[in-house]
C-alpha atoms as a PDB file:
ATOM      1  CA  MET A   1      14.199  -1.744   9.281  1.00  0.00           C
ATOM      2  CA  ARG A   2      13.953  -1.268   5.546  1.00  0.00           C
ATOM      3  CA  GLU A   3      17.169  -0.784   3.868  1.00  0.00           C
ATOM      4  CA  ASN A   4      17.818   2.596   1.947  1.00  0.00           C
ATOM      5  CA  ARG A   5      19.844   1.871  -1.070  1.00  0.00           C
ATOM      6  CA  THR A   6      20.985   4.356  -3.947  1.00  0.00           C
ATOM      7  CA  GLU A   7      21.693   2.879  -7.148  1.00  0.00           C
ATOM      8  CA  THR A   8      23.304   4.783 -10.043  1.00  0.00           C
ATOM      9  CA  LYS A   9      23.119   3.519 -13.765  1.00  0.00           C
ATOM     10  CA  PRO A  10      22.151   4.622 -17.144  1.00  0.00           C
ATOM     11  CA  GLY A  11      18.832   4.135 -18.877  1.00  0.00           C
ATOM     12  CA  LYS A  12      16.593   5.352 -21.536  1.00  0.00           C
ATOM     13  CA  ILE A  13      12.880   6.694 -21.355  1.00  0.00           C
ATOM     14  CA  PRO A  14      10.877   6.022 -24.678  1.00  0.00           C
ATOM     15  CA  LEU A  15       8.607   8.743 -25.762  1.00  0.00           C
ATOM     16  CA  SER A  16       5.900   6.429 -25.348  1.00  0.00           C
ATOM     17  CA  GLU A  17       6.402   6.206 -21.649  1.00  0.00           C
ATOM     18  CA  LEU A  18       5.731   9.717 -20.864  1.00  0.00           C
ATOM     19  CA  ALA A  19       3.133  10.720 -23.482  1.00  0.00           C
ATOM     20  CA  TRP A  20       0.861  10.737 -20.585  1.00  0.00           C
ATOM     21  CA  ALA A  21       2.585  13.700 -19.172  1.00  0.00           C
ATOM     22  CA  LYS A  22       0.228  16.292 -20.833  1.00  0.00           C
ATOM     23  CA  PRO A  23       0.294  19.801 -19.885  1.00  0.00           C
ATOM     24  CA  VAL A  24      -2.605  21.556 -17.838  1.00  0.00           C
ATOM     25  CA  LEU A  25      -3.432  24.516 -19.681  1.00  0.00           C
ATOM     26  CA  PRO A  26      -4.668  27.832 -17.800  1.00  0.00           C
ATOM     27  CA  ASP A  27      -8.379  27.092 -18.403  1.00  0.00           C
ATOM     28  CA  GLN A  28      -7.821  23.696 -16.661  1.00  0.00           C
ATOM     29  CA  LYS A  29      -8.135  21.769 -19.951  1.00  0.00           C
ATOM     30  CA  VAL A  30      -5.483  19.051 -20.846  1.00  0.00           C
ATOM     31  CA  GLY A  31      -2.910  19.937 -23.470  1.00  0.00           C
ATOM     32  CA  PRO A  32      -1.596  17.966 -26.513  1.00  0.00           C
ATOM     33  CA  SER A  33       0.721  15.031 -26.141  1.00  0.00           C
ATOM     34  CA  PRO A  34       4.313  15.725 -26.114  1.00  0.00           C
ATOM     35  CA  LYS A  35       6.302  15.442 -29.367  1.00  0.00           C
ATOM     36  CA  LYS A  36       9.554  15.185 -27.682  1.00  0.00           C
ATOM     37  CA  VAL A  37      11.410  14.408 -24.185  1.00  0.00           C
ATOM     38  CA  ALA A  38      12.432  18.171 -24.106  1.00  0.00           C
ATOM     39  CA  ASP A  39       8.607  18.812 -23.868  1.00  0.00           C
ATOM     40  CA  VAL A  40       8.230  17.349 -20.518  1.00  0.00           C
ATOM     41  CA  LEU A  41      11.975  17.141 -18.780  1.00  0.00           C
ATOM     42  CA  THR A  42      14.691  19.330 -19.039  1.00  0.00           C
ATOM     43  CA  VAL A  43      18.578  18.462 -17.606  1.00  0.00           C
ATOM     44  CA  GLY A  44      18.927  18.221 -14.069  1.00  0.00           C
ATOM     45  CA  ASP A  45      15.101  17.240 -13.340  1.00  0.00           C
ATOM     46  CA  LEU A  46      14.754  14.695 -10.552  1.00  0.00           C
ATOM     47  CA  ILE A  47      12.009  12.237 -11.614  1.00  0.00           C
ATOM     48  CA  LEU A  48      10.326   9.146 -10.490  1.00  0.00           C
ATOM     49  CA  VAL A  49      10.781   6.217 -12.907  1.00  0.00           C
ATOM     50  CA  GLU A  50       9.561   2.490 -13.208  1.00  0.00           C
ATOM     51  CA  SER A  51      11.530  -0.200 -14.952  1.00  0.00           C
ATOM     52  CA  VAL A  52       9.432  -1.296 -18.085  1.00  0.00           C
ATOM     53  CA  THR A  53       9.699  -4.358 -20.396  1.00  0.00           C
ATOM     54  CA  ALA A  54       7.050  -3.804 -22.909  1.00  0.00           C
ATOM     55  CA  THR A  55       4.175  -1.365 -24.037  1.00  0.00           C
ATOM     56  CA  PRO A  56       0.931  -2.198 -22.249  1.00  0.00           C
ATOM     57  CA  ASP A  57      -0.451  -3.989 -25.189  1.00  0.00           C
ATOM     58  CA  GLY A  58       2.837  -6.081 -25.077  1.00  0.00           C
ATOM     59  CA  LYS A  59       3.295  -5.529 -29.021  1.00  0.00           C
ATOM     60  CA  THR A  60       6.632  -3.791 -28.590  1.00  0.00           C
ATOM     61  CA  LYS A  61       9.390  -5.129 -26.220  1.00  0.00           C
ATOM     62  CA  TYR A  62      11.717  -2.708 -24.719  1.00  0.00           C
ATOM     63  CA  PRO A  63      15.461  -3.517 -24.326  1.00  0.00           C
ATOM     64  CA  ALA A  64      16.904  -3.689 -20.783  1.00  0.00           C
ATOM     65  CA  GLU A  65      17.373  -0.571 -18.695  1.00  0.00           C
ATOM     66  CA  THR A  66      14.131   0.999 -20.137  1.00  0.00           C
ATOM     67  CA  TYR A  67      12.141   3.186 -17.713  1.00  0.00           C
ATOM     68  CA  GLY A  68       8.827   4.809 -17.776  1.00  0.00           C
ATOM     69  CA  LEU A  69       7.984   8.224 -16.461  1.00  0.00           C
ATOM     70  CA  ARG A  70       6.042   8.023 -13.191  1.00  0.00           C
ATOM     71  CA  GLN A  71       4.846  10.479 -10.550  1.00  0.00           C
ATOM     72  CA  LEU A  72       3.239  10.305  -7.125  1.00  0.00           C
ATOM     73  CA  PRO A  73      -0.500  11.437  -7.473  1.00  0.00           C
ATOM     74  CA  ASP A  74      -2.259  14.040  -5.615  1.00  0.00           C
ATOM     75  CA  VAL A  75      -5.186  11.648  -5.184  1.00  0.00           C
ATOM     76  CA  SER A  76      -5.694   7.861  -4.780  1.00  0.00           C
ATOM     77  CA  GLY A  77      -8.753   5.636  -5.869  1.00  0.00           C
ATOM     78  CA  GLY A  78      -9.960   2.429  -5.349  1.00  0.00           C
ATOM     79  CA  MET A  79     -10.903  -0.613  -7.680  1.00  0.00           C
ATOM     80  CA  VAL A  80     -12.629  -3.664  -7.168  1.00  0.00           C
ATOM     81  CA  VAL A  81     -12.993  -6.562  -9.813  1.00  0.00           C
ATOM     82  CA  MET A  82     -15.581  -9.450  -9.037  1.00  0.00           C
ATOM     83  CA  ASP A  83     -16.793 -12.636 -10.439  1.00  0.00           C
ATOM     84  CA  PRO A  84     -20.525 -11.937 -10.775  1.00  0.00           C
ATOM     85  CA  HIS A  85     -21.604 -15.381 -10.278  1.00  0.00           C
ATOM     86  CA  THR A  86     -19.649 -16.285  -7.111  1.00  0.00           C
ATOM     87  CA  GLY A  87     -18.808 -13.041  -5.374  1.00  0.00           C
ATOM     88  CA  ARG A  88     -15.094 -14.016  -5.646  1.00  0.00           C
ATOM     89  CA  VAL A  89     -12.963 -10.717  -5.539  1.00  0.00           C
ATOM     90  CA  LEU A  90     -10.537 -11.057  -8.306  1.00  0.00           C
ATOM     91  CA  ALA A  91      -8.586  -7.802  -7.561  1.00  0.00           C
ATOM     92  CA  LEU A  92      -9.099  -5.188  -5.151  1.00  0.00           C
ATOM     93  CA  VAL A  93      -7.036  -1.823  -5.016  1.00  0.00           C
ATOM     94  CA  GLY A  94      -7.239   0.555  -2.259  1.00  0.00           C
ATOM     95  CA  GLY A  95      -4.834   3.123  -3.215  1.00  0.00           C
ATOM     96  CA  LEU A  96      -1.424   3.739  -4.574  1.00  0.00           C
ATOM     97  CA  SER A  97       0.611   2.653  -1.775  1.00  0.00           C
ATOM     98  CA  TYR A  98      -0.074   1.086   1.784  1.00  0.00           C
ATOM     99  CA  ASP A  99       2.999   2.801   2.851  1.00  0.00           C
ATOM    100  CA  GLN A 100       1.826   6.176   1.855  1.00  0.00           C
ATOM    101  CA  SER A 101      -1.765   5.506   3.408  1.00  0.00           C
ATOM    102  CA  GLN A 102      -3.497   2.778   4.979  1.00  0.00           C
ATOM    103  CA  PHE A 103      -6.755   3.968   4.205  1.00  0.00           C
ATOM    104  CA  ASN A 104      -8.482   1.248   2.019  1.00  0.00           C
ATOM    105  CA  ARG A 105     -10.614   3.410  -0.609  1.00  0.00           C
ATOM    106  CA  ALA A 106     -12.299   0.093  -2.167  1.00  0.00           C
ATOM    107  CA  THR A 107     -13.730  -1.067   1.186  1.00  0.00           C
ATOM    108  CA  GLN A 108     -13.794   2.014   3.780  1.00  0.00           C
ATOM    109  CA  ALA A 109     -14.279   4.887   1.394  1.00  0.00           C
ATOM    110  CA  LYS A 110     -17.701   5.982   1.602  1.00  0.00           C
ATOM    111  CA  ARG A 111     -18.533   8.324  -1.223  1.00  0.00           C
ATOM    112  CA  GLN A 112     -21.540   9.687  -3.413  1.00  0.00           C
ATOM    113  CA  PRO A 113     -22.109   7.137  -6.169  1.00  0.00           C
ATOM    114  CA  GLY A 114     -23.656   9.960  -8.291  1.00  0.00           C
ATOM    115  CA  SER A 115     -25.278   8.445 -11.548  1.00  0.00           C
ATOM    116  CA  SER A 116     -24.183   4.987 -11.180  1.00  0.00           C
ATOM    117  CA  PHE A 117     -26.770   4.975  -8.852  1.00  0.00           C
ATOM    118  CA  LYS A 118     -29.477   5.437 -11.265  1.00  0.00           C
ATOM    119  CA  PRO A 119     -30.007   1.602 -12.409  1.00  0.00           C
ATOM    120  CA  PHE A 120     -31.546   1.005  -9.129  1.00  0.00           C
ATOM    121  CA  VAL A 121     -33.978   3.828  -9.351  1.00  0.00           C
ATOM    122  CA  TYR A 122     -34.937   2.293 -12.799  1.00  0.00           C
ATOM    123  CA  MET A 123     -35.154  -1.382 -11.577  1.00  0.00           C
ATOM    124  CA  ALA A 124     -37.628  -0.024  -9.132  1.00  0.00           C
ATOM    125  CA  ALA A 125     -39.577   1.256 -11.946  1.00  0.00           C
ATOM    126  CA  LEU A 126     -39.487  -1.651 -13.853  1.00  0.00           C
ATOM    127  CA  GLU A 127     -40.900  -3.775 -10.995  1.00  0.00           C
ATOM    128  CA  ASN A 128     -43.795  -1.269 -10.678  1.00  0.00           C
ATOM    129  CA  GLY A 129     -45.082  -1.511 -14.371  1.00  0.00           C
ATOM    130  CA  TYR A 130     -42.676   0.487 -16.355  1.00  0.00           C
ATOM    131  CA  THR A 131     -40.849  -1.266 -19.474  1.00  0.00           C
ATOM    132  CA  PRO A 132     -37.706  -0.149 -21.124  1.00  0.00           C
ATOM    133  CA  ALA A 133     -39.842   1.578 -23.744  1.00  0.00           C
ATOM    134  CA  SER A 134     -42.226   3.567 -21.147  1.00  0.00           C
ATOM    135  CA  VAL A 135     -41.797   7.404 -21.649  1.00  0.00           C
ATOM    136  CA  VAL A 136     -41.073  10.044 -19.008  1.00  0.00           C
ATOM    137  CA  LEU A 137     -41.181  13.684 -19.428  1.00  0.00           C
ATOM    138  CA  ASP A 138     -37.617  15.205 -19.538  1.00  0.00           C
ATOM    139  CA  ALA A 139     -38.586  18.913 -18.551  1.00  0.00           C
ATOM    140  CA  PRO A 140     -37.870  21.345 -15.654  1.00  0.00           C
ATOM    141  CA  PHE A 141     -38.656  20.066 -12.400  1.00  0.00           C
ATOM    142  CA  VAL A 142     -38.854  22.279  -9.323  1.00  0.00           C
ATOM    143  CA  MET A 143     -39.781  21.658  -5.666  1.00  0.00           C
ATOM    144  CA  ASP A 144     -39.472  23.285  -2.258  1.00  0.00           C
ATOM    145  CA  ASP A 145     -36.648  21.855  -0.364  1.00  0.00           C
ATOM    146  CA  GLY A 146     -38.199  22.269   3.200  1.00  0.00           C
ATOM    147  CA  SER A 147     -35.899  25.812   4.037  1.00  0.00           C
ATOM    148  CA  GLY A 148     -38.186  28.060   1.663  1.00  0.00           C
ATOM    149  CA  LYS A 149     -35.714  27.554  -1.249  1.00  0.00           C
ATOM    150  CA  LYS A 150     -36.382  26.101  -4.639  1.00  0.00           C
ATOM    151  CA  TRP A 151     -34.551  22.940  -5.617  1.00  0.00           C
ATOM    152  CA  ARG A 152     -34.325  23.114  -9.440  1.00  0.00           C
ATOM    153  CA  PRO A 153     -32.098  20.118 -10.597  1.00  0.00           C
ATOM    154  CA  GLU A 154     -30.642  20.133 -14.370  1.00  0.00           C
ATOM    155  CA  ASN A 155     -29.187  17.682 -16.908  1.00  0.00           C
ATOM    156  CA  TYR A 156     -25.509  17.714 -17.405  1.00  0.00           C
ATOM    157  CA  THR A 157     -26.114  19.360 -20.743  1.00  0.00           C
ATOM    158  CA  GLU A 158     -28.450  22.207 -19.151  1.00  0.00           C
ATOM    159  CA  LYS A 159     -31.024  21.302 -21.783  1.00  0.00           C
ATOM    160  CA  PHE A 160     -34.503  19.650 -21.496  1.00  0.00           C
ATOM    161  CA  TYR A 161     -35.408  16.834 -24.362  1.00  0.00           C
ATOM    162  CA  GLY A 162     -39.055  16.324 -23.655  1.00  0.00           C
ATOM    163  CA  PRO A 163     -40.967  12.749 -23.756  1.00  0.00           C
ATOM    164  CA  SER A 164     -37.922  10.186 -23.784  1.00  0.00           C
ATOM    165  CA  SER A 165     -37.971   6.576 -23.140  1.00  0.00           C
ATOM    166  CA  LEU A 166     -36.466   4.861 -20.229  1.00  0.00           C
ATOM    167  CA  ARG A 167     -33.935   3.111 -22.210  1.00  0.00           C
ATOM    168  CA  LEU A 168     -32.549   6.609 -23.563  1.00  0.00           C
ATOM    169  CA  GLY A 169     -32.923   8.246 -20.008  1.00  0.00           C
ATOM    170  CA  ILE A 170     -30.438   5.591 -18.821  1.00  0.00           C
ATOM    171  CA  GLU A 171     -27.997   5.787 -21.805  1.00  0.00           C
ATOM    172  CA  GLN A 172     -27.787   9.364 -21.639  1.00  0.00           C
ATOM    173  CA  SER A 173     -27.915   9.562 -17.760  1.00  0.00           C
ATOM    174  CA  ARG A 174     -30.630  12.084 -17.751  1.00  0.00           C
ATOM    175  CA  ASN A 175     -31.077  13.657 -14.118  1.00  0.00           C
ATOM    176  CA  LEU A 176     -34.499  15.012 -14.656  1.00  0.00           C
ATOM    177  CA  MET A 177     -36.144  12.110 -16.108  1.00  0.00           C
ATOM    178  CA  THR A 178     -34.558   9.850 -12.998  1.00  0.00           C
ATOM    179  CA  ILE A 179     -35.953  12.680 -10.574  1.00  0.00           C
ATOM    180  CA  ARG A 180     -39.450  12.478 -12.237  1.00  0.00           C
ATOM    181  CA  LEU A 181     -39.444   8.585 -12.297  1.00  0.00           C
ATOM    182  CA  ALA A 182     -38.537   8.277  -8.666  1.00  0.00           C
ATOM    183  CA  SER A 183     -41.395  10.745  -7.712  1.00  0.00           C
ATOM    184  CA  ALA A 184     -43.842   8.974  -9.740  1.00  0.00           C
ATOM    185  CA  ILE A 185     -42.954   5.339  -8.192  1.00  0.00           C
ATOM    186  CA  GLY A 186     -42.119   6.882  -4.797  1.00  0.00           C
ATOM    187  CA  MET A 187     -38.574   6.912  -3.017  1.00  0.00           C
ATOM    188  CA  GLU A 188     -39.918   4.185  -0.720  1.00  0.00           C
ATOM    189  CA  LYS A 189     -39.535   1.875  -3.604  1.00  0.00           C
ATOM    190  CA  VAL A 190     -36.209   3.037  -4.451  1.00  0.00           C
ATOM    191  CA  VAL A 191     -34.973   2.802  -0.918  1.00  0.00           C
ATOM    192  CA  ASP A 192     -36.206  -0.663  -0.864  1.00  0.00           C
ATOM    193  CA  VAL A 193     -34.303  -1.686  -4.000  1.00  0.00           C
ATOM    194  CA  ALA A 194     -31.034  -0.014  -2.761  1.00  0.00           C
ATOM    195  CA  GLY A 195     -31.567  -2.088   0.591  1.00  0.00           C
ATOM    196  CA  ARG A 196     -31.908  -5.335  -1.152  1.00  0.00           C
ATOM    197  CA  PHE A 197     -28.712  -4.808  -3.199  1.00  0.00           C
ATOM    198  CA  GLY A 198     -26.643  -3.687   0.005  1.00  0.00           C
ATOM    199  CA  ILE A 199     -25.904  -0.365  -1.634  1.00  0.00           C
ATOM    200  CA  THR A 200     -26.356   1.482   1.755  1.00  0.00           C
ATOM    201  CA  GLU A 201     -27.967   1.265   5.083  1.00  0.00           C
ATOM    202  CA  ALA A 202     -30.960   3.753   6.205  1.00  0.00           C
ATOM    203  CA  LEU A 203     -31.034   5.510   2.523  1.00  0.00           C
ATOM    204  CA  PRO A 204     -33.152   8.520   3.129  1.00  0.00           C
ATOM    205  CA  PRO A 205     -36.308   8.551   0.984  1.00  0.00           C
ATOM    206  CA  LEU A 206     -35.154  12.190  -0.495  1.00  0.00           C
ATOM    207  CA  LEU A 207     -35.644  12.757  -4.281  1.00  0.00           C
ATOM    208  CA  SER A 208     -32.105  13.756  -4.428  1.00  0.00           C
ATOM    209  CA  MET A 209     -30.827  10.473  -3.380  1.00  0.00           C
ATOM    210  CA  SER A 210     -32.052   9.046  -6.782  1.00  0.00           C
ATOM    211  CA  LEU A 211     -29.086  10.906  -8.416  1.00  0.00           C
ATOM    212  CA  GLY A 212     -26.812   9.162  -5.967  1.00  0.00           C
ATOM    213  CA  ALA A 213     -26.382  11.726  -3.237  1.00  0.00           C
ATOM    214  CA  GLY A 214     -26.164   8.989  -0.519  1.00  0.00           C
ATOM    215  CA  GLU A 215     -23.026   7.023   0.275  1.00  0.00           C
ATOM    216  CA  SER A 216     -21.611   3.857  -0.461  1.00  0.00           C
ATOM    217  CA  THR A 217     -18.371   2.019  -1.007  1.00  0.00           C
ATOM    218  CA  PRO A 218     -16.682   0.626  -4.506  1.00  0.00           C
ATOM    219  CA  LEU A 219     -16.964  -2.788  -3.019  1.00  0.00           C
ATOM    220  CA  LYS A 220     -20.764  -2.577  -2.159  1.00  0.00           C
ATOM    221  CA  MET A 221     -21.474  -0.972  -5.617  1.00  0.00           C
ATOM    222  CA  ALA A 222     -19.564  -3.661  -7.484  1.00  0.00           C
ATOM    223  CA  THR A 223     -21.296  -6.289  -5.417  1.00  0.00           C
ATOM    224  CA  ALA A 224     -24.721  -4.596  -6.396  1.00  0.00           C
ATOM    225  CA  TYR A 225     -23.621  -4.600 -10.058  1.00  0.00           C
ATOM    226  CA  ALA A 226     -22.687  -8.144  -9.822  1.00  0.00           C
ATOM    227  CA  MET A 227     -26.062  -9.087  -8.691  1.00  0.00           C
ATOM    228  CA  ILE A 228     -27.561  -7.477 -11.790  1.00  0.00           C
ATOM    229  CA  ALA A 229     -25.121  -9.339 -14.077  1.00  0.00           C
ATOM    230  CA  ASN A 230     -25.851 -12.784 -12.298  1.00  0.00           C
ATOM    231  CA  GLY A 231     -29.639 -12.659 -13.041  1.00  0.00           C
ATOM    232  CA  GLY A 232     -30.628 -11.181  -9.449  1.00  0.00           C
ATOM    233  CA  LYS A 233     -29.069 -13.708  -7.199  1.00  0.00           C
ATOM    234  CA  LYS A 234     -27.702 -12.575  -3.716  1.00  0.00           C
ATOM    235  CA  LEU A 235     -23.989 -12.413  -3.612  1.00  0.00           C
ATOM    236  CA  VAL A 236     -21.664 -12.151  -0.606  1.00  0.00           C
ATOM    237  CA  PRO A 237     -18.085 -10.836  -1.719  1.00  0.00           C
ATOM    238  CA  THR A 238     -15.265 -12.837  -0.585  1.00  0.00           C
ATOM    239  CA  VAL A 239     -11.556 -13.039  -0.775  1.00  0.00           C
ATOM    240  CA  ILE A 240     -11.441 -16.397   0.854  1.00  0.00           C
ATOM    241  CA  ASP A 241     -12.976 -19.639  -0.759  1.00  0.00           C
ATOM    242  CA  ARG A 242     -12.129 -22.136   1.882  1.00  0.00           C
ATOM    243  CA  VAL A 243     -10.000 -22.710   5.099  1.00  0.00           C
ATOM    244  CA  GLN A 244      -8.812 -26.100   6.019  1.00  0.00           C
ATOM    245  CA  ASP A 245      -6.974 -27.274   9.273  1.00  0.00           C
ATOM    246  CA  ARG A 246      -3.793 -29.029   9.321  1.00  0.00           C
ATOM    247  CA  TYR A 247      -5.565 -32.396   8.585  1.00  0.00           C
ATOM    248  CA  GLY A 248      -7.218 -31.337   5.635  1.00  0.00           C
ATOM    249  CA  GLN A 249     -10.712 -30.738   7.155  1.00  0.00           C
ATOM    250  CA  THR A 250     -12.691 -28.055   5.899  1.00  0.00           C
ATOM    251  CA  VAL A 251     -13.366 -25.611   8.605  1.00  0.00           C
ATOM    252  CA  PHE A 252     -14.774 -22.766   6.582  1.00  0.00           C
ATOM    253  CA  LYS A 253     -16.096 -22.286   2.952  1.00  0.00           C
ATOM    254  CA  HIS A 254     -17.630 -19.490   1.363  1.00  0.00           C
ATOM    255  CA  ASP A 255     -19.854 -21.281  -0.917  1.00  0.00           C
ATOM    256  CA  PRO A 256     -22.496 -22.971   1.383  1.00  0.00           C
ATOM    257  CA  ARG A 257     -24.198 -25.087  -1.224  1.00  0.00           C
ATOM    258  CA  VAL A 258     -24.216 -28.990  -1.029  1.00  0.00           C
ATOM    259  CA  CYS A 259     -23.403 -30.901  -4.186  1.00  0.00           C
ATOM    260  CA  GLU A 260     -24.067 -34.710  -3.295  1.00  0.00           C
ATOM    261  CA  ASN A 261     -22.953 -36.347  -6.569  1.00  0.00           C
ATOM    262  CA  CYS A 262     -19.757 -34.098  -7.018  1.00  0.00           C
ATOM    263  CA  LEU A 263     -17.437 -36.478  -5.551  1.00  0.00           C
ATOM    264  CA  VAL A 264     -15.408 -38.852  -8.107  1.00  0.00           C
ATOM    265  CA  ASP A 265     -16.328 -42.128  -6.658  1.00  0.00           C
ATOM    266  CA  THR A 266     -20.047 -41.136  -6.629  1.00  0.00           C
ATOM    267  CA  TYR A 267     -20.104 -39.738 -10.401  1.00  0.00           C
ATOM    268  CA  THR A 268     -22.072 -41.895 -12.744  1.00  0.00           C
ATOM    269  CA  GLY A 269     -21.400 -40.250 -16.106  1.00  0.00           C
ATOM    270  CA  GLY A 270     -23.516 -38.129 -18.182  1.00  0.00           C
ATOM    271  CA  LEU A 271     -23.537 -34.310 -17.721  1.00  0.00           C
ATOM    272  CA  PRO A 272     -21.350 -33.064 -14.760  1.00  0.00           C
ATOM    273  CA  PRO A 273     -22.989 -32.575 -11.538  1.00  0.00           C
ATOM    274  CA  TYR A 274     -24.118 -28.974 -10.671  1.00  0.00           C
ATOM    275  CA  PRO A 275     -25.241 -27.981  -7.335  1.00  0.00           C
ATOM    276  CA  THR A 276     -28.343 -26.459  -6.739  1.00  0.00           C
ATOM    277  CA  ASP A 277     -28.396 -22.529  -6.696  1.00  0.00           C
ATOM    278  CA  ASN A 278     -30.601 -21.909  -3.400  1.00  0.00           C
ATOM    279  CA  ARG A 279     -29.363 -18.101  -2.948  1.00  0.00           C
ATOM    280  CA  PRO A 280     -32.154 -15.624  -2.630  1.00  0.00           C
ATOM    281  CA  GLN A 281     -33.413 -13.564  -5.494  1.00  0.00           C
ATOM    282  CA  VAL A 282     -32.952  -9.768  -4.515  1.00  0.00           C
ATOM    283  CA  ILE A 283     -34.915  -8.925  -7.827  1.00  0.00           C
ATOM    284  CA  ASP A 284     -36.738 -10.827 -10.492  1.00  0.00           C
ATOM    285  CA  ALA A 285     -34.636 -12.587 -12.922  1.00  0.00           C
ATOM    286  CA  ALA A 286     -36.716 -10.738 -15.901  1.00  0.00           C
ATOM    287  CA  THR A 287     -35.883  -7.308 -14.339  1.00  0.00           C
ATOM    288  CA  ALA A 288     -32.297  -8.030 -14.182  1.00  0.00           C
ATOM    289  CA  PHE A 289     -32.162  -9.156 -17.756  1.00  0.00           C
ATOM    290  CA  GLN A 290     -34.104  -5.969 -18.782  1.00  0.00           C
ATOM    291  CA  MET A 291     -31.518  -3.612 -16.822  1.00  0.00           C
ATOM    292  CA  THR A 292     -28.630  -5.340 -18.101  1.00  0.00           C
ATOM    293  CA  ALA A 293     -29.847  -4.872 -21.668  1.00  0.00           C
ATOM    294  CA  MET A 294     -30.405  -1.387 -20.991  1.00  0.00           C
ATOM    295  CA  LEU A 295     -26.921  -0.850 -19.631  1.00  0.00           C
ATOM    296  CA  GLU A 296     -25.426  -2.151 -22.536  1.00  0.00           C
ATOM    297  CA  GLY A 297     -27.010   0.794 -24.484  1.00  0.00           C
ATOM    298  CA  VAL A 298     -24.831   3.104 -22.176  1.00  0.00           C
ATOM    299  CA  VAL A 299     -21.704   1.408 -23.624  1.00  0.00           C
ATOM    300  CA  GLN A 300     -22.787   0.962 -27.058  1.00  0.00           C
ATOM    301  CA  ARG A 301     -24.617   4.632 -27.402  1.00  0.00           C
ATOM    302  CA  GLY A 302     -24.562   6.500 -24.402  1.00  0.00           C
ATOM    303  CA  THR A 303     -22.205   8.012 -21.693  1.00  0.00           C
ATOM    304  CA  GLY A 304     -19.846   5.289 -21.694  1.00  0.00           C
ATOM    305  CA  ALA A 305     -19.348   4.804 -25.758  1.00  0.00           C
ATOM    306  CA  ALA A 306     -15.901   5.574 -25.354  1.00  0.00           C
ATOM    307  CA  VAL A 307     -15.124   2.588 -23.446  1.00  0.00           C
ATOM    308  CA  GLY A 308     -17.406   0.354 -25.562  1.00  0.00           C
ATOM    309  CA  ALA A 309     -15.465   1.852 -28.578  1.00  0.00           C
ATOM    310  CA  ALA A 310     -11.899   1.069 -27.365  1.00  0.00           C
ATOM    311  CA  LEU A 311     -12.633  -2.351 -25.743  1.00  0.00           C
ATOM    312  CA  LYS A 312     -14.691  -3.780 -28.550  1.00  0.00           C
ATOM    313  CA  ARG A 313     -16.339  -6.593 -26.633  1.00  0.00           C
ATOM    314  CA  PRO A 314     -19.801  -7.156 -25.222  1.00  0.00           C
ATOM    315  CA  LEU A 315     -20.159  -4.884 -21.910  1.00  0.00           C
ATOM    316  CA  ALA A 316     -22.891  -3.244 -19.979  1.00  0.00           C
ATOM    317  CA  GLY A 317     -22.182  -0.580 -17.365  1.00  0.00           C
ATOM    318  CA  LYS A 318     -23.129   2.974 -16.070  1.00  0.00           C
ATOM    319  CA  THR A 319     -21.100   6.150 -15.668  1.00  0.00           C
ATOM    320  CA  GLY A 320     -21.177   8.007 -12.422  1.00  0.00           C
ATOM    321  CA  THR A 321     -19.765  11.639 -11.614  1.00  0.00           C
ATOM    322  CA  SER A 322     -20.295  14.048  -8.899  1.00  0.00           C
ATOM    323  CA  ASN A 323     -20.306  17.973  -9.159  1.00  0.00           C
ATOM    324  CA  ASP A 324     -17.836  19.567 -11.700  1.00  0.00           C
ATOM    325  CA  SER A 325     -17.526  16.518 -13.485  1.00  0.00           C
ATOM    326  CA  SER A 326     -15.376  14.824 -11.093  1.00  0.00           C
ATOM    327  CA  ILE A 327     -15.200  11.145 -11.785  1.00  0.00           C
ATOM    328  CA  ILE A 328     -16.254   9.149  -8.571  1.00  0.00           C
ATOM    329  CA  GLY A 329     -17.272   5.850  -9.842  1.00  0.00           C
ATOM    330  CA  SER A 330     -17.738   3.678 -12.882  1.00  0.00           C
ATOM    331  CA  SER A 331     -19.176   0.085 -12.802  1.00  0.00           C
ATOM    332  CA  ALA A 332     -19.325  -2.406 -15.583  1.00  0.00           C
ATOM    333  CA  ILE A 333     -20.713  -5.677 -16.059  1.00  0.00           C
ATOM    334  CA  ARG A 334     -20.879  -8.456 -18.682  1.00  0.00           C
ATOM    335  CA  PRO A 335     -24.132  -9.386 -20.105  1.00  0.00           C
ATOM    336  CA  ILE A 336     -25.874 -12.395 -18.284  1.00  0.00           C
ATOM    337  CA  TRP A 337     -26.366 -14.207 -21.649  1.00  0.00           C
END
């Protein structure tokens, strides 16, 4: 049984540790940061706090008995951090608290990837003769949805931009360009690429799927993006590298490659031994290189520019949103060069 213990002692909450508590205005927009503690709390409030020792950047050290204002969120999310060259899962978050919910949102939650699916449409196009400089028309697109109604997808801005390059289309996440591109090459090719990257099983060959209307998990999406970053090599995510028995004999290892010259007593000098990478290619290395370069533009100039400006390091990635601008996914990769 868990022991319930009540502890009473004085402490301080610096303004920097409650600056996130911005008010929600009547129009659902977020208000300004608080200027003083009284903007957020009043005497007698029962609040949730966490002991803190320094600011997130580590520049300011807090004295003892310093706390940060916290709250239990109404929603939980998932996160996967993976080494794109080995498939090793470096971090996996399935929610706020296992005690609160045993549902793992990183591995079990099937959600619409939204616009973060678009790179796989573009890779299908690159495989079929398109280049980052190829021009696609960004204009109204209307088709019968099969029920007698017309399907009229729109860009986020509700504007049309005319002929635009593929590179610009992915940077600005243009919906109409993606649909027209998928229509031109055929959704069967997009479904094939999605299957090779393991995003989803049996994706219906419908044009709406090109905008991420299918379902996938954060772990599958992270694995797929890792395969773009590593040059198109097949990856299997793992949280266990190797298992040995009590005698030190390996009974399981994640990496099946054999390195004949990796033992110290057989090393003859020169360059260090390196096992042959015999993993299959899910996509041509040149296509993966081009896609990575295009996704760099997303972070430098496109919908992910805020992340690029904040982190100031080489990044490539793609944003993904569902209806009403609810962020459901964001994937980032390092360049392969």
